[in-house]
């Protein structure tokens, strides 16, 4: 347990940031799932629309450090490839 005031504040900040990052990560995963479900359903136009929404969110998460930039790029590439092969 934190003893100093500085350590107590740090623990509070870490908890708030952890919850915030978890919410952003959940949002990102939800949008990825929307694209994947549209791809598996064979709905190309819906998949393309979901992809257009998901790409800026992935870029934003990479910019915030929630997701590594290469991971975001790989995810975008795989989603795009999935749409192209439909």
PDB file of N, CA and C in Angstrom:
ATOM      1  N   UNK A   1       0.848  -1.190   0.000  1.00  0.00           N
ATOM      2  CA  UNK A   1       0.000   0.000   0.000  1.00  0.00           C
ATOM      3  C   UNK A   1       0.879   1.233   0.000  1.00  0.00           C
ATOM      4  N   UNK A   2       0.409   2.270  -0.632  1.00  0.00           N
ATOM      5  CA  UNK A   2       1.157   3.517  -0.733  1.00  0.00           C
ATOM      6  C   UNK A   2       1.175   4.221   0.621  1.00  0.00           C
ATOM      7  N   UNK A   3       2.334   4.697   1.002  1.00  0.00           N
ATOM      8  CA  UNK A   3       2.468   5.371   2.287  1.00  0.00           C
ATOM      9  C   UNK A   3       2.559   6.881   2.151  1.00  0.00           C
ATOM     10  N   UNK A   4       3.315   7.351   1.183  1.00  0.00           N
ATOM     11  CA  UNK A   4       3.480   8.791   1.032  1.00  0.00           C
ATOM     12  C   UNK A   4       2.320   9.375   0.238  1.00  0.00           C
ATOM     13  N   UNK A   5       2.152  10.681   0.375  1.00  0.00           N
ATOM     14  CA  UNK A   5       1.090  11.371  -0.361  1.00  0.00           C
ATOM     15  C   UNK A   5       1.321  11.249  -1.857  1.00  0.00           C
ATOM     16  N   UNK A   6       2.583  11.320  -2.247  1.00  0.00           N
ATOM     17  CA  UNK A   6       2.925  11.217  -3.668  1.00  0.00           C
ATOM     18  C   UNK A   6       2.544   9.839  -4.212  1.00  0.00           C
ATOM     19  N   UNK A   7       2.822   8.787  -3.458  1.00  0.00           N
ATOM     20  CA  UNK A   7       2.504   7.430  -3.901  1.00  0.00           C
ATOM     21  C   UNK A   7       0.996   7.203  -3.932  1.00  0.00           C
ATOM     22  N   UNK A   8       0.269   7.809  -2.992  1.00  0.00           N
ATOM     23  CA  UNK A   8      -1.187   7.681  -2.986  1.00  0.00           C
ATOM     24  C   UNK A   8      -1.799   8.354  -4.208  1.00  0.00           C
ATOM     25  N   UNK A   9      -1.289   9.538  -4.528  1.00  0.00           N
ATOM     26  CA  UNK A   9      -1.786  10.252  -5.702  1.00  0.00           C
ATOM     27  C   UNK A   9      -1.461   9.465  -6.972  1.00  0.00           C
ATOM     28  N   UNK A  10      -0.257   8.902  -7.028  1.00  0.00           N
ATOM     29  CA  UNK A  10       0.164   8.126  -8.184  1.00  0.00           C
ATOM     30  C   UNK A  10      -0.753   6.917  -8.386  1.00  0.00           C
ATOM     31  N   UNK A  11      -1.120   6.275  -7.266  1.00  0.00           N
ATOM     32  CA  UNK A  11      -2.016   5.118  -7.336  1.00  0.00           C
ATOM     33  C   UNK A  11      -3.389   5.535  -7.863  1.00  0.00           C
ATOM     34  N   UNK A  12      -3.878   6.701  -7.427  1.00  0.00           N
ATOM     35  CA  UNK A  12      -5.170   7.206  -7.917  1.00  0.00           C
ATOM     36  C   UNK A  12      -5.097   7.492  -9.415  1.00  0.00           C
ATOM     37  N   UNK A  13      -4.021   8.141  -9.829  1.00  0.00           N
ATOM     38  CA  UNK A  13      -3.865   8.476 -11.244  1.00  0.00           C
ATOM     39  C   UNK A  13      -3.782   7.220 -12.106  1.00  0.00           C
ATOM     40  N   UNK A  14      -3.042   6.230 -11.620  1.00  0.00           N
ATOM     41  CA  UNK A  14      -2.899   4.989 -12.375  1.00  0.00           C
ATOM     42  C   UNK A  14      -4.243   4.287 -12.535  1.00  0.00           C
ATOM     43  N   UNK A  15      -5.059   4.322 -11.493  1.00  0.00           N
ATOM     44  CA  UNK A  15      -6.370   3.678 -11.564  1.00  0.00           C
ATOM     45  C   UNK A  15      -7.273   4.378 -12.580  1.00  0.00           C
ATOM     46  N   UNK A  16      -7.275   5.699 -12.550  1.00  0.00           N
ATOM     47  CA  UNK A  16      -8.098   6.465 -13.498  1.00  0.00           C
ATOM     48  C   UNK A  16      -7.630   6.215 -14.921  1.00  0.00           C
ATOM     49  N   UNK A  17      -6.333   6.223 -15.145  1.00  0.00           N
ATOM     50  CA  UNK A  17      -5.791   6.014 -16.495  1.00  0.00           C
ATOM     51  C   UNK A  17      -6.047   4.595 -16.980  1.00  0.00           C
ATOM     52  N   UNK A  18      -5.955   3.623 -16.072  1.00  0.00           N
ATOM     53  CA  UNK A  18      -6.216   2.236 -16.439  1.00  0.00           C
ATOM     54  C   UNK A  18      -7.658   2.074 -16.908  1.00  0.00           C
ATOM     55  N   UNK A  19      -8.593   2.679 -16.189  1.00  0.00           N
ATOM     56  CA  UNK A  19      -9.997   2.588 -16.580  1.00  0.00           C
ATOM     57  C   UNK A  19     -10.256   3.293 -17.909  1.00  0.00           C
ATOM     58  N   UNK A  20      -9.627   4.437 -18.099  1.00  0.00           N
ATOM     59  CA  UNK A  20      -9.789   5.188 -19.348  1.00  0.00           C
ATOM     60  C   UNK A  20      -9.230   4.402 -20.529  1.00  0.00           C
ATOM     61  N   UNK A  21      -8.030   3.832 -20.354  1.00  0.00           N
ATOM     62  CA  UNK A  21      -7.422   3.051 -21.428  1.00  0.00           C
ATOM     63  C   UNK A  21      -8.240   1.806 -21.730  1.00  0.00           C
ATOM     64  N   UNK A  22      -8.822   1.188 -20.701  1.00  0.00           N
ATOM     65  CA  UNK A  22      -9.640  -0.002 -20.913  1.00  0.00           C
ATOM     66  C   UNK A  22     -10.872   0.345 -21.739  1.00  0.00           C
ATOM     67  N   UNK A  23     -11.463   1.502 -21.489  1.00  0.00           N
ATOM     68  CA  UNK A  23     -12.633   1.929 -22.250  1.00  0.00           C
ATOM     69  C   UNK A  23     -12.263   2.180 -23.710  1.00  0.00           C
ATOM     70  N   UNK A  24     -11.137   2.816 -23.934  1.00  0.00           N
ATOM     71  CA  UNK A  24     -10.697   3.081 -25.307  1.00  0.00           C
ATOM     72  C   UNK A  24     -10.366   1.782 -26.033  1.00  0.00           C
ATOM     73  N   UNK A  25      -9.703   0.857 -25.336  1.00  0.00           N
ATOM     74  CA  UNK A  25      -9.350  -0.431 -25.927  1.00  0.00           C
ATOM     75  C   UNK A  25     -10.620  -1.209 -26.298  1.00  0.00           C
ATOM     76  N   UNK A  26     -11.626  -1.139 -25.439  1.00  0.00           N
ATOM     77  CA  UNK A  26     -12.892  -1.816 -25.704  1.00  0.00           C
ATOM     78  C   UNK A  26     -13.576  -1.227 -26.936  1.00  0.00           C
ATOM     79  N   UNK A  27     -13.554   0.090 -27.050  1.00  0.00           N
ATOM     80  CA  UNK A  27     -14.140   0.762 -28.210  1.00  0.00           C
ATOM     81  C   UNK A  27     -13.448   0.321 -29.502  1.00  0.00           C
ATOM     82  N   UNK A  28     -12.126   0.247 -29.442  1.00  0.00           N
ATOM     83  CA  UNK A  28     -11.347  -0.158 -30.601  1.00  0.00           C
ATOM     84  C   UNK A  28     -11.700  -1.590 -31.005  1.00  0.00           C
ATOM     85  N   UNK A  29     -11.744  -2.485 -30.032  1.00  0.00           N
ATOM     86  CA  UNK A  29     -12.050  -3.883 -30.320  1.00  0.00           C
ATOM     87  C   UNK A  29     -13.458  -4.041 -30.880  1.00  0.00           C
ATOM     88  N   UNK A  30     -14.392  -3.247 -30.387  1.00  0.00           N
ATOM     89  CA  UNK A  30     -15.762  -3.306 -30.879  1.00  0.00           C
ATOM     90  C   UNK A  30     -15.826  -2.946 -32.357  1.00  0.00           C
ATOM     91  N   UNK A  31     -15.112  -1.911 -32.752  1.00  0.00           N
ATOM     92  CA  UNK A  31     -15.132  -1.497 -34.158  1.00  0.00           C
ATOM     93  C   UNK A  31     -14.436  -2.522 -35.056  1.00  0.00           C
ATOM     94  N   UNK A  32     -13.404  -3.163 -34.539  1.00  0.00           N
ATOM     95  CA  UNK A  32     -12.749  -4.222 -35.309  1.00  0.00           C
ATOM     96  C   UNK A  32     -13.716  -5.388 -35.503  1.00  0.00           C
ATOM     97  N   UNK A  33     -14.473  -5.703 -34.456  1.00  0.00           N
ATOM     98  CA  UNK A  33     -15.442  -6.800 -34.545  1.00  0.00           C
ATOM     99  C   UNK A  33     -16.543  -6.483 -35.548  1.00  0.00           C
ATOM    100  N   UNK A  34     -16.933  -5.218 -35.643  1.00  0.00           N
ATOM    101  CA  UNK A  34     -17.948  -4.828 -36.627  1.00  0.00           C
ATOM    102  C   UNK A  34     -17.459  -5.123 -38.048  1.00  0.00           C
ATOM    103  N   UNK A  35     -16.198  -4.812 -38.310  1.00  0.00           N
ATOM    104  CA  UNK A  35     -15.639  -5.069 -39.643  1.00  0.00           C
ATOM    105  C   UNK A  35     -15.568  -6.570 -39.897  1.00  0.00           C
ATOM    106  N   UNK A  36     -15.063  -7.321 -38.923  1.00  0.00           N
ATOM    107  CA  UNK A  36     -14.910  -8.766 -39.100  1.00  0.00           C
ATOM    108  C   UNK A  36     -16.254  -9.468 -39.272  1.00  0.00           C
ATOM    109  N   UNK A  37     -17.257  -9.025 -38.531  1.00  0.00           N
ATOM    110  CA  UNK A  37     -18.566  -9.666 -38.659  1.00  0.00           C
ATOM    111  C   UNK A  37     -19.185  -9.362 -40.026  1.00  0.00           C
ATOM    112  N   UNK A  38     -18.969  -8.159 -40.546  1.00  0.00           N
ATOM    113  CA  UNK A  38     -19.474  -7.823 -41.877  1.00  0.00           C
ATOM    114  C   UNK A  38     -18.746  -8.636 -42.950  1.00  0.00           C
ATOM    115  N   UNK A  39     -17.460  -8.869 -42.749  1.00  0.00           N
ATOM    116  CA  UNK A  39     -16.690  -9.671 -43.703  1.00  0.00           C
ATOM    117  C   UNK A  39     -17.197 -11.113 -43.692  1.00  0.00           C
ATOM    118  N   UNK A  40     -17.391 -11.661 -42.497  1.00  0.00           N
ATOM    119  CA  UNK A  40     -17.835 -13.051 -42.414  1.00  0.00           C
ATOM    120  C   UNK A  40     -19.272 -13.225 -42.919  1.00  0.00           C
ATOM    121  N   UNK A  41     -20.073 -12.161 -42.823  1.00  0.00           N
ATOM    122  CA  UNK A  41     -21.446 -12.221 -43.327  1.00  0.00           C
ATOM    123  C   UNK A  41     -21.504 -12.023 -44.835  1.00  0.00           C
ATOM    124  N   UNK A  42     -20.393 -11.595 -45.437  1.00  0.00           N
ATOM    125  CA  UNK A  42     -20.350 -11.408 -46.882  1.00  0.00           C
ATOM    126  C   UNK A  42     -20.936 -10.088 -47.350  1.00  0.00           C
ATOM    127  N   UNK A  43     -21.058  -9.123 -46.452  1.00  0.00           N
ATOM    128  CA  UNK A  43     -21.622  -7.812 -46.790  1.00  0.00           C
ATOM    129  C   UNK A  43     -20.482  -6.829 -47.032  1.00  0.00           C
ATOM    130  N   UNK A  44     -20.102  -6.725 -48.284  1.00  0.00           N
ATOM    131  CA  UNK A  44     -18.904  -5.945 -48.628  1.00  0.00           C
ATOM    132  C   UNK A  44     -19.075  -4.453 -48.355  1.00  0.00           C
ATOM    133  N   UNK A  45     -20.200  -3.883 -48.722  1.00  0.00           N
ATOM    134  CA  UNK A  45     -20.381  -2.443 -48.519  1.00  0.00           C
ATOM    135  C   UNK A  45     -20.435  -2.091 -47.039  1.00  0.00           C
ATOM    136  N   UNK A  46     -21.101  -2.928 -46.265  1.00  0.00           N
ATOM    137  CA  UNK A  46     -21.159  -2.691 -44.820  1.00  0.00           C
ATOM    138  C   UNK A  46     -19.766  -2.835 -44.207  1.00  0.00           C
ATOM    139  N   UNK A  47     -18.984  -3.790 -44.691  1.00  0.00           N
ATOM    140  CA  UNK A  47     -17.617  -3.978 -44.202  1.00  0.00           C
ATOM    141  C   UNK A  47     -16.757  -2.761 -44.539  1.00  0.00           C
ATOM    142  N   UNK A  48     -16.931  -2.210 -45.734  1.00  0.00           N
ATOM    143  CA  UNK A  48     -16.156  -1.038 -46.131  1.00  0.00           C
ATOM    144  C   UNK A  48     -16.513   0.168 -45.268  1.00  0.00           C
ATOM    145  N   UNK A  49     -17.795   0.339 -44.971  1.00  0.00           N
ATOM    146  CA  UNK A  49     -18.212   1.455 -44.116  1.00  0.00           C
ATOM    147  C   UNK A  49     -17.658   1.286 -42.700  1.00  0.00           C
ATOM    148  N   UNK A  50     -17.725   0.075 -42.185  1.00  0.00           N
ATOM    149  CA  UNK A  50     -17.200  -0.186 -40.841  1.00  0.00           C
ATOM    150  C   UNK A  50     -15.686   0.014 -40.818  1.00  0.00           C
ATOM    151  N   UNK A  51     -15.024  -0.346 -41.917  1.00  0.00           N
ATOM    152  CA  UNK A  51     -13.576  -0.168 -42.015  1.00  0.00           C
ATOM    153  C   UNK A  51     -13.203   1.313 -42.002  1.00  0.00           C
ATOM    154  N   UNK A  52     -13.997   2.129 -42.690  1.00  0.00           N
ATOM    155  CA  UNK A  52     -13.737   3.574 -42.714  1.00  0.00           C
ATOM    156  C   UNK A  52     -13.869   4.191 -41.324  1.00  0.00           C
ATOM    157  N   UNK A  53     -14.746   3.624 -40.510  1.00  0.00           N
ATOM    158  CA  UNK A  53     -14.908   4.111 -39.140  1.00  0.00           C
ATOM    159  C   UNK A  53     -13.786   3.586 -38.250  1.00  0.00           C
ATOM    160  N   UNK A  54     -13.351   2.356 -38.490  1.00  0.00           N
ATOM    161  CA  UNK A  54     -12.367   1.710 -37.619  1.00  0.00           C
ATOM    162  C   UNK A  54     -10.949   2.258 -37.816  1.00  0.00           C
ATOM    163  N   UNK A  55     -10.613   2.644 -39.023  1.00  0.00           N
ATOM    164  CA  UNK A  55      -9.236   3.083 -39.308  1.00  0.00           C
ATOM    165  C   UNK A  55      -8.822   4.306 -38.482  1.00  0.00           C
ATOM    166  N   UNK A  56      -9.610   5.365 -38.421  1.00  0.00           N
ATOM    167  CA  UNK A  56      -9.189   6.502 -37.596  1.00  0.00           C
ATOM    168  C   UNK A  56      -9.110   6.161 -36.108  1.00  0.00           C
ATOM    169  N   UNK A  57      -9.957   5.251 -35.663  1.00  0.00           N
ATOM    170  CA  UNK A  57      -9.908   4.853 -34.254  1.00  0.00           C
ATOM    171  C   UNK A  57      -8.621   4.099 -33.974  1.00  0.00           C
ATOM    172  N   UNK A  58      -8.221   3.209 -34.874  1.00  0.00           N
ATOM    173  CA  UNK A  58      -6.959   2.489 -34.707  1.00  0.00           C
ATOM    174  C   UNK A  58      -5.778   3.455 -34.713  1.00  0.00           C
ATOM    175  N   UNK A  59      -5.809   4.425 -35.610  1.00  0.00           N
ATOM    176  CA  UNK A  59      -4.730   5.409 -35.665  1.00  0.00           C
ATOM    177  C   UNK A  59      -4.662   6.229 -34.379  1.00  0.00           C
ATOM    178  N   UNK A  60      -5.832   6.587 -33.861  1.00  0.00           N
ATOM    179  CA  UNK A  60      -5.882   7.366 -32.632  1.00  0.00           C
ATOM    180  C   UNK A  60      -5.339   6.569 -31.451  1.00  0.00           C
ATOM    181  N   UNK A  61      -5.669   5.292 -31.391  1.00  0.00           N
ATOM    182  CA  UNK A  61      -5.178   4.448 -30.294  1.00  0.00           C
ATOM    183  C   UNK A  61      -3.664   4.271 -30.394  1.00  0.00           C
ATOM    184  N   UNK A  62      -3.162   4.186 -31.615  1.00  0.00           N
ATOM    185  CA  UNK A  62      -1.714   4.084 -31.803  1.00  0.00           C
ATOM    186  C   UNK A  62      -1.038   5.387 -31.375  1.00  0.00           C
ATOM    187  N   UNK A  63      -1.664   6.504 -31.657  1.00  0.00           N
ATOM    188  CA  UNK A  63      -1.109   7.791 -31.265  1.00  0.00           C
ATOM    189  C   UNK A  63      -1.094   7.996 -29.766  1.00  0.00           C
ATOM    190  N   UNK A  64      -2.079   7.428 -29.078  1.00  0.00           N
ATOM    191  CA  UNK A  64      -2.168   7.570 -27.630  1.00  0.00           C
ATOM    192  C   UNK A  64      -1.296   6.556 -26.894  1.00  0.00           C
ATOM    193  N   UNK A  65      -0.742   5.590 -27.620  1.00  0.00           N
ATOM    194  CA  UNK A  65       0.110   4.602 -26.983  1.00  0.00           C
ATOM    195  C   UNK A  65      -0.649   3.412 -26.421  1.00  0.00           C
ATOM    196  N   UNK A  66      -1.927   3.308 -26.719  1.00  0.00           N
ATOM    197  CA  UNK A  66      -2.716   2.178 -26.242  1.00  0.00           C
ATOM    198  C   UNK A  66      -2.425   0.952 -27.093  1.00  0.00           C
ATOM    199  N   UNK A  67      -2.063   1.194 -28.330  1.00  0.00           N
ATOM    200  CA  UNK A  67      -1.738   0.143 -29.278  1.00  0.00           C
ATOM    201  C   UNK A  67      -0.459   0.571 -29.999  1.00  0.00           C
ATOM    202  N   UNK A  68       0.446  -0.379 -30.211  1.00  0.00           N
ATOM    203  CA  UNK A  68       1.679  -0.045 -30.924  1.00  0.00           C
ATOM    204  C   UNK A  68       1.351   0.297 -32.375  1.00  0.00           C
ATOM    205  N   UNK A  69       2.105   1.214 -32.955  1.00  0.00           N
ATOM    206  CA  UNK A  69       1.789   1.670 -34.313  1.00  0.00           C
ATOM    207  C   UNK A  69       1.883   0.540 -35.330  1.00  0.00           C
ATOM    208  N   UNK A  70       2.808  -0.390 -35.129  1.00  0.00           N
ATOM    209  CA  UNK A  70       2.908  -1.521 -36.055  1.00  0.00           C
ATOM    210  C   UNK A  70       1.719  -2.467 -35.899  1.00  0.00           C
ATOM    211  N   UNK A  71       1.227  -2.631 -34.687  1.00  0.00           N
ATOM    212  CA  UNK A  71       0.053  -3.474 -34.455  1.00  0.00           C
ATOM    213  C   UNK A  71      -1.170  -2.865 -35.121  1.00  0.00           C
ATOM    214  N   UNK A  72      -1.308  -1.553 -35.027  1.00  0.00           N
ATOM    215  CA  UNK A  72      -2.423  -0.872 -35.675  1.00  0.00           C
ATOM    216  C   UNK A  72      -2.326  -1.027 -37.192  1.00  0.00           C
ATOM    217  N   UNK A  73      -1.132  -0.878 -37.716  1.00  0.00           N
ATOM    218  CA  UNK A  73      -0.923  -1.009 -39.148  1.00  0.00           C
ATOM    219  C   UNK A  73      -1.224  -2.428 -39.607  1.00  0.00           C
ATOM    220  N   UNK A  74      -0.780  -3.412 -38.840  1.00  0.00           N
ATOM    221  CA  UNK A  74      -1.035  -4.807 -39.181  1.00  0.00           C
ATOM    222  C   UNK A  74      -2.537  -5.116 -39.157  1.00  0.00           C
ATOM    223  N   UNK A  75      -3.224  -4.588 -38.169  1.00  0.00           N
ATOM    224  CA  UNK A  75      -4.663  -4.810 -38.045  1.00  0.00           C
ATOM    225  C   UNK A  75      -5.403  -4.193 -39.234  1.00  0.00           C
ATOM    226  N   UNK A  76      -5.034  -2.967 -39.593  1.00  0.00           N
ATOM    227  CA  UNK A  76      -5.663  -2.304 -40.735  1.00  0.00           C
ATOM    228  C   UNK A  76      -5.401  -3.080 -42.019  1.00  0.00           C
ATOM    229  N   UNK A  77      -4.184  -3.573 -42.168  1.00  0.00           N
ATOM    230  CA  UNK A  77      -3.814  -4.314 -43.359  1.00  0.00           C
ATOM    231  C   UNK A  77      -4.613  -5.608 -43.475  1.00  0.00           C
ATOM    232  N   UNK A  78      -4.764  -6.318 -42.370  1.00  0.00           N
ATOM    233  CA  UNK A  78      -5.492  -7.581 -42.395  1.00  0.00           C
ATOM    234  C   UNK A  78      -6.982  -7.366 -42.659  1.00  0.00           C
ATOM    235  N   UNK A  79      -7.539  -6.319 -42.067  1.00  0.00           N
ATOM    236  CA  UNK A  79      -8.943  -6.020 -42.323  1.00  0.00           C
ATOM    237  C   UNK A  79      -9.162  -5.642 -43.785  1.00  0.00           C
ATOM    238  N   UNK A  80      -8.254  -4.830 -44.299  1.00  0.00           N
ATOM    239  CA  UNK A  80      -8.347  -4.411 -45.698  1.00  0.00           C
ATOM    240  C   UNK A  80      -8.226  -5.605 -46.639  1.00  0.00           C
ATOM    241  N   UNK A  81      -7.308  -6.495 -46.334  1.00  0.00           N
ATOM    242  CA  UNK A  81      -7.127  -7.694 -47.156  1.00  0.00           C
ATOM    243  C   UNK A  81      -8.371  -8.571 -47.095  1.00  0.00           C
ATOM    244  N   UNK A  82      -8.988  -8.639 -45.934  1.00  0.00           N
ATOM    245  CA  UNK A  82     -10.206  -9.428 -45.803  1.00  0.00           C
ATOM    246  C   UNK A  82     -11.336  -8.858 -46.654  1.00  0.00           C
ATOM    247  N   UNK A  83     -11.406  -7.545 -46.728  1.00  0.00           N
ATOM    248  CA  UNK A  83     -12.449  -6.913 -47.546  1.00  0.00           C
ATOM    249  C   UNK A  83     -12.149  -7.124 -49.032  1.00  0.00           C
ATOM    250  N   UNK A  84     -10.884  -7.030 -49.401  1.00  0.00           N
ATOM    251  CA  UNK A  84     -10.516  -7.172 -50.819  1.00  0.00           C
ATOM    252  C   UNK A  84     -10.766  -8.579 -51.333  1.00  0.00           C
ATOM    253  N   UNK A  85     -10.623  -9.598 -50.483  1.00  0.00           N
ATOM    254  CA  UNK A  85     -10.805 -10.966 -50.938  1.00  0.00           C
ATOM    255  C   UNK A  85     -12.267 -11.387 -50.999  1.00  0.00           C
ATOM    256  N   UNK A  86     -13.171 -10.493 -50.616  1.00  0.00           N
ATOM    257  CA  UNK A  86     -14.606 -10.833 -50.646  1.00  0.00           C
ATOM    258  C   UNK A  86     -15.100 -10.916 -52.085  1.00  0.00           C
TER     259      UNK A  86
END
